[in-house]
Amino acid sequence: MPAINGRIWDKNMLHNRSWHSPDFYVPKTMTKAYRIEGVKADGTVVTLCEESNNYQRLNKVAVEGAYQKVRLVPTETWGNEKAHIFAFDVR
């Protein structure tokens, strides 16, 4: 560690974190598992994507084909009873 005027200077002194805080955690309200379904013109429902261990806040999924409807179905969170979805965009 570098010494300044005979004192030890700790670079992490200004780190605002509790001693017992985990290094990494996922919010309990975030969706852990979900699937994206597409509904074709004839009413057929197709699973376009399925995720079982999501920890990212932003997910982008490339989908090929034409669908009348696209829906997001959250199936599990990281601990909360309800999933909180802030946005779901289809382009």
N, C-alpha and C. Protein backbone atom coordinates (compact mmCIF):
# COMPACT_ATOMS: atom_id res chain seq x y z
N MET A 1 0.84 -1.19 0.00
CA MET A 1 0.00 0.00 0.00
C MET A 1 0.88 1.24 0.00
N PRO A 2 0.48 2.27 -0.69
CA PRO A 2 1.28 3.50 -0.70
C PRO A 2 1.23 4.22 0.64
N ALA A 3 2.35 4.80 1.02
CA ALA A 3 2.40 5.57 2.26
C ALA A 3 2.42 7.05 1.93
N ILE A 4 1.61 7.84 2.65
CA ILE A 4 1.57 9.29 2.46
C ILE A 4 1.83 9.92 3.83
N ASN A 5 2.94 10.68 3.93
CA ASN A 5 3.33 11.34 5.18
C ASN A 5 3.39 10.35 6.35
N GLY A 6 3.92 9.17 6.11
CA GLY A 6 4.06 8.20 7.18
C GLY A 6 2.79 7.44 7.50
N ARG A 7 1.69 7.73 6.84
CA ARG A 7 0.43 7.02 7.08
C ARG A 7 0.13 6.10 5.89
N ILE A 8 -0.56 5.06 6.17
CA ILE A 8 -0.95 4.15 5.08
C ILE A 8 -2.24 4.68 4.46
N TRP A 9 -2.23 4.79 3.16
CA TRP A 9 -3.38 5.31 2.43
C TRP A 9 -4.12 4.13 1.80
N ASP A 10 -5.34 3.95 2.18
CA ASP A 10 -6.16 2.87 1.66
C ASP A 10 -7.06 3.40 0.56
N LYS A 11 -6.93 2.87 -0.64
CA LYS A 11 -7.72 3.34 -1.77
C LYS A 11 -9.21 3.07 -1.60
N ASN A 12 -9.58 2.09 -0.80
CA ASN A 12 -10.99 1.73 -0.64
C ASN A 12 -11.65 2.41 0.57
N MET A 13 -11.02 3.40 1.15
CA MET A 13 -11.59 4.06 2.32
C MET A 13 -12.94 4.70 2.04
N LEU A 14 -13.13 5.21 0.85
CA LEU A 14 -14.37 5.90 0.53
C LEU A 14 -15.41 4.99 -0.12
N HIS A 15 -15.20 3.72 -0.03
CA HIS A 15 -16.12 2.75 -0.62
C HIS A 15 -17.37 2.67 0.25
N ASN A 16 -18.53 3.07 -0.29
CA ASN A 16 -19.78 3.07 0.47
C ASN A 16 -20.47 1.71 0.38
N ARG A 17 -20.04 0.79 1.18
CA ARG A 17 -20.63 -0.53 1.20
C ARG A 17 -20.51 -1.11 2.59
N SER A 18 -21.58 -1.70 3.06
CA SER A 18 -21.57 -2.32 4.37
C SER A 18 -20.62 -3.52 4.38
N TRP A 19 -20.03 -3.79 5.51
CA TRP A 19 -19.08 -4.89 5.63
C TRP A 19 -19.74 -6.23 5.30
N HIS A 20 -21.02 -6.37 5.65
CA HIS A 20 -21.71 -7.65 5.47
C HIS A 20 -22.53 -7.70 4.18
N SER A 21 -22.39 -6.72 3.31
CA SER A 21 -23.12 -6.73 2.04
C SER A 21 -22.57 -7.80 1.12
N PRO A 22 -23.47 -8.46 0.38
CA PRO A 22 -22.97 -9.44 -0.59
C PRO A 22 -22.28 -8.73 -1.74
N ASP A 23 -21.33 -9.39 -2.36
CA ASP A 23 -20.62 -8.80 -3.49
C ASP A 23 -21.54 -8.62 -4.69
N PHE A 24 -22.49 -9.52 -4.86
CA PHE A 24 -23.37 -9.48 -6.00
C PHE A 24 -24.73 -10.04 -5.59
N TYR A 25 -25.79 -9.40 -6.00
CA TYR A 25 -27.11 -9.95 -5.75
C TYR A 25 -28.05 -9.49 -6.86
N VAL A 26 -29.08 -10.24 -7.05
CA VAL A 26 -30.11 -9.91 -8.04
C VAL A 26 -31.34 -9.49 -7.26
N PRO A 27 -31.99 -8.38 -7.63
CA PRO A 27 -33.20 -7.95 -6.92
C PRO A 27 -34.27 -9.04 -6.94
N LYS A 28 -34.96 -9.21 -5.83
CA LYS A 28 -35.98 -10.25 -5.72
C LYS A 28 -37.14 -10.06 -6.69
N THR A 29 -37.38 -8.81 -7.10
CA THR A 29 -38.51 -8.54 -7.99
C THR A 29 -38.19 -8.82 -9.46
N MET A 30 -36.93 -9.07 -9.77
CA MET A 30 -36.55 -9.28 -11.16
C MET A 30 -36.96 -10.67 -11.65
N THR A 31 -37.33 -10.74 -12.91
CA THR A 31 -37.78 -11.99 -13.51
C THR A 31 -36.60 -12.93 -13.72
N LYS A 32 -36.69 -14.11 -13.14
CA LYS A 32 -35.64 -15.12 -13.28
C LYS A 32 -35.90 -16.02 -14.49
N ALA A 33 -37.14 -16.46 -14.63
CA ALA A 33 -37.49 -17.36 -15.73
C ALA A 33 -38.67 -16.77 -16.49
N TYR A 34 -38.61 -16.88 -17.80
CA TYR A 34 -39.69 -16.38 -18.66
C TYR A 34 -39.66 -17.08 -20.00
N ARG A 35 -40.73 -16.91 -20.73
CA ARG A 35 -40.76 -17.36 -22.11
C ARG A 35 -41.44 -16.29 -22.95
N ILE A 36 -41.05 -16.22 -24.21
CA ILE A 36 -41.66 -15.30 -25.16
C ILE A 36 -42.40 -16.16 -26.17
N GLU A 37 -43.69 -15.86 -26.34
CA GLU A 37 -44.53 -16.62 -27.25
C GLU A 37 -44.99 -15.74 -28.40
N GLY A 38 -45.08 -16.33 -29.56
CA GLY A 38 -45.61 -15.65 -30.74
C GLY A 38 -46.87 -16.35 -31.20
N VAL A 39 -47.87 -15.57 -31.61
CA VAL A 39 -49.12 -16.13 -32.11
C VAL A 39 -49.19 -15.85 -33.60
N LYS A 40 -49.27 -16.92 -34.39
CA LYS A 40 -49.34 -16.78 -35.84
C LYS A 40 -50.75 -16.39 -36.28
N ALA A 41 -50.91 -16.09 -37.56
CA ALA A 41 -52.20 -15.66 -38.10
C ALA A 41 -53.28 -16.73 -37.94
N ASP A 42 -52.89 -18.01 -37.98
CA ASP A 42 -53.88 -19.09 -37.85
C ASP A 42 -54.18 -19.43 -36.39
N GLY A 43 -53.58 -18.71 -35.43
CA GLY A 43 -53.84 -18.92 -34.01
C GLY A 43 -52.85 -19.84 -33.32
N THR A 44 -51.92 -20.39 -34.06
CA THR A 44 -50.91 -21.28 -33.50
C THR A 44 -49.95 -20.49 -32.60
N VAL A 45 -49.72 -21.00 -31.39
CA VAL A 45 -48.81 -20.36 -30.45
C VAL A 45 -47.46 -21.06 -30.53
N VAL A 46 -46.40 -20.28 -30.73
CA VAL A 46 -45.05 -20.80 -30.86
C VAL A 46 -44.18 -20.18 -29.77
N THR A 47 -43.41 -21.00 -29.06
CA THR A 47 -42.45 -20.47 -28.08
C THR A 47 -41.23 -19.98 -28.84
N LEU A 48 -40.97 -18.68 -28.76
CA LEU A 48 -39.87 -18.06 -29.49
C LEU A 48 -38.58 -18.08 -28.70
N CYS A 49 -38.69 -18.02 -27.38
CA CYS A 49 -37.52 -17.96 -26.52
C CYS A 49 -37.94 -18.43 -25.13
N GLU A 50 -37.04 -19.14 -24.46
CA GLU A 50 -37.30 -19.56 -23.08
C GLU A 50 -36.01 -19.40 -22.28
N GLU A 51 -36.11 -18.72 -21.15
CA GLU A 51 -34.95 -18.45 -20.28
C GLU A 51 -35.28 -18.93 -18.87
N SER A 52 -34.34 -19.65 -18.24
CA SER A 52 -34.60 -20.18 -16.90
C SER A 52 -33.69 -19.60 -15.82
N ASN A 53 -32.64 -18.86 -16.21
CA ASN A 53 -31.71 -18.32 -15.21
C ASN A 53 -31.30 -16.89 -15.58
N ASN A 54 -32.27 -16.03 -15.77
CA ASN A 54 -32.01 -14.65 -16.18
C ASN A 54 -31.54 -13.80 -15.00
N TYR A 55 -30.48 -13.04 -15.19
CA TYR A 55 -30.03 -12.08 -14.19
C TYR A 55 -29.71 -10.73 -14.82
N GLN A 56 -29.99 -10.58 -16.10
CA GLN A 56 -29.74 -9.33 -16.81
C GLN A 56 -30.99 -8.44 -16.76
N ARG A 57 -30.78 -7.15 -16.72
CA ARG A 57 -31.91 -6.22 -16.74
C ARG A 57 -32.41 -5.96 -18.15
N LEU A 58 -31.55 -6.12 -19.14
CA LEU A 58 -31.92 -5.90 -20.53
C LEU A 58 -31.60 -7.15 -21.33
N ASN A 59 -32.62 -7.66 -22.00
CA ASN A 59 -32.45 -8.83 -22.86
C ASN A 59 -32.94 -8.50 -24.25
N LYS A 60 -32.16 -8.88 -25.24
CA LYS A 60 -32.56 -8.70 -26.64
C LYS A 60 -32.62 -10.07 -27.28
N VAL A 61 -33.74 -10.34 -27.95
CA VAL A 61 -33.94 -11.64 -28.57
C VAL A 61 -34.26 -11.42 -30.04
N ALA A 62 -33.49 -12.03 -30.92
CA ALA A 62 -33.76 -11.94 -32.35
C ALA A 62 -34.79 -13.01 -32.73
N VAL A 63 -35.83 -12.59 -33.42
CA VAL A 63 -36.91 -13.49 -33.81
C VAL A 63 -37.14 -13.38 -35.30
N GLU A 64 -37.28 -14.52 -35.95
CA GLU A 64 -37.58 -14.52 -37.38
C GLU A 64 -39.01 -14.99 -37.60
N GLY A 65 -39.66 -14.43 -38.60
CA GLY A 65 -41.02 -14.83 -38.92
C GLY A 65 -42.01 -13.71 -38.66
N ALA A 66 -43.25 -13.95 -39.08
CA ALA A 66 -44.33 -12.97 -38.89
C ALA A 66 -45.32 -13.51 -37.86
N TYR A 67 -45.69 -12.65 -36.92
CA TYR A 67 -46.60 -13.04 -35.85
C TYR A 67 -47.65 -11.95 -35.65
N GLN A 68 -48.87 -12.37 -35.35
CA GLN A 68 -49.95 -11.42 -35.07
C GLN A 68 -49.77 -10.79 -33.69
N LYS A 69 -49.31 -11.61 -32.74
CA LYS A 69 -49.11 -11.16 -31.36
C LYS A 69 -47.81 -11.75 -30.83
N VAL A 70 -47.19 -11.02 -29.93
CA VAL A 70 -46.02 -11.52 -29.20
C VAL A 70 -46.26 -11.21 -27.73
N ARG A 71 -46.06 -12.20 -26.88
CA ARG A 71 -46.30 -11.98 -25.45
C ARG A 71 -45.15 -12.51 -24.61
N LEU A 72 -44.95 -11.84 -23.49
CA LEU A 72 -43.95 -12.22 -22.50
C LEU A 72 -44.67 -12.89 -21.34
N VAL A 73 -44.23 -14.08 -20.98
CA VAL A 73 -44.85 -14.83 -19.88
C VAL A 73 -43.80 -15.06 -18.80
N PRO A 74 -43.81 -14.24 -17.72
CA PRO A 74 -42.88 -14.47 -16.62
C PRO A 74 -43.32 -15.71 -15.83
N THR A 75 -42.39 -16.61 -15.52
CA THR A 75 -42.74 -17.83 -14.81
C THR A 75 -42.11 -17.94 -13.42
N GLU A 76 -41.06 -17.12 -13.15
CA GLU A 76 -40.40 -17.17 -11.84
C GLU A 76 -39.62 -15.89 -11.61
N THR A 77 -39.54 -15.47 -10.34
CA THR A 77 -38.71 -14.32 -9.96
C THR A 77 -37.56 -14.82 -9.10
N TRP A 78 -36.73 -13.89 -8.64
CA TRP A 78 -35.62 -14.23 -7.76
C TRP A 78 -36.04 -14.23 -6.29
N GLY A 79 -37.34 -14.33 -5.99
CA GLY A 79 -37.78 -14.42 -4.61
C GLY A 79 -39.07 -13.69 -4.30
N ASN A 80 -39.45 -12.73 -5.11
CA ASN A 80 -40.68 -11.98 -4.87
C ASN A 80 -41.87 -12.76 -5.42
N GLU A 81 -43.04 -12.49 -4.86
CA GLU A 81 -44.26 -13.17 -5.31
C GLU A 81 -44.66 -12.73 -6.72
N LYS A 82 -44.47 -11.45 -7.03
CA LYS A 82 -44.87 -10.91 -8.33
C LYS A 82 -43.65 -10.44 -9.11
N ALA A 83 -43.70 -10.62 -10.42
CA ALA A 83 -42.64 -10.12 -11.29
C ALA A 83 -42.94 -8.68 -11.66
N HIS A 84 -41.93 -7.85 -11.74
CA HIS A 84 -42.08 -6.45 -12.14
C HIS A 84 -41.41 -6.26 -13.49
N ILE A 85 -42.22 -6.01 -14.50
CA ILE A 85 -41.72 -5.77 -15.86
C ILE A 85 -41.88 -4.28 -16.13
N PHE A 86 -40.80 -3.60 -16.42
CA PHE A 86 -40.85 -2.16 -16.68
C PHE A 86 -41.12 -1.86 -18.14
N ALA A 87 -40.63 -2.69 -19.03
CA ALA A 87 -40.86 -2.46 -20.46
C ALA A 87 -40.70 -3.77 -21.22
N PHE A 88 -41.49 -3.90 -22.28
CA PHE A 88 -41.39 -5.04 -23.19
C PHE A 88 -41.66 -4.49 -24.58
N ASP A 89 -40.61 -4.37 -25.38
CA ASP A 89 -40.72 -3.76 -26.71
C ASP A 89 -40.55 -4.82 -27.78
N VAL A 90 -41.40 -4.73 -28.79
CA VAL A 90 -41.30 -5.60 -29.96
C VAL A 90 -41.15 -4.70 -31.17
N ARG A 91 -40.09 -4.92 -31.94
CA ARG A 91 -39.84 -4.08 -33.12
C ARG A 91 -39.65 -4.93 -34.34
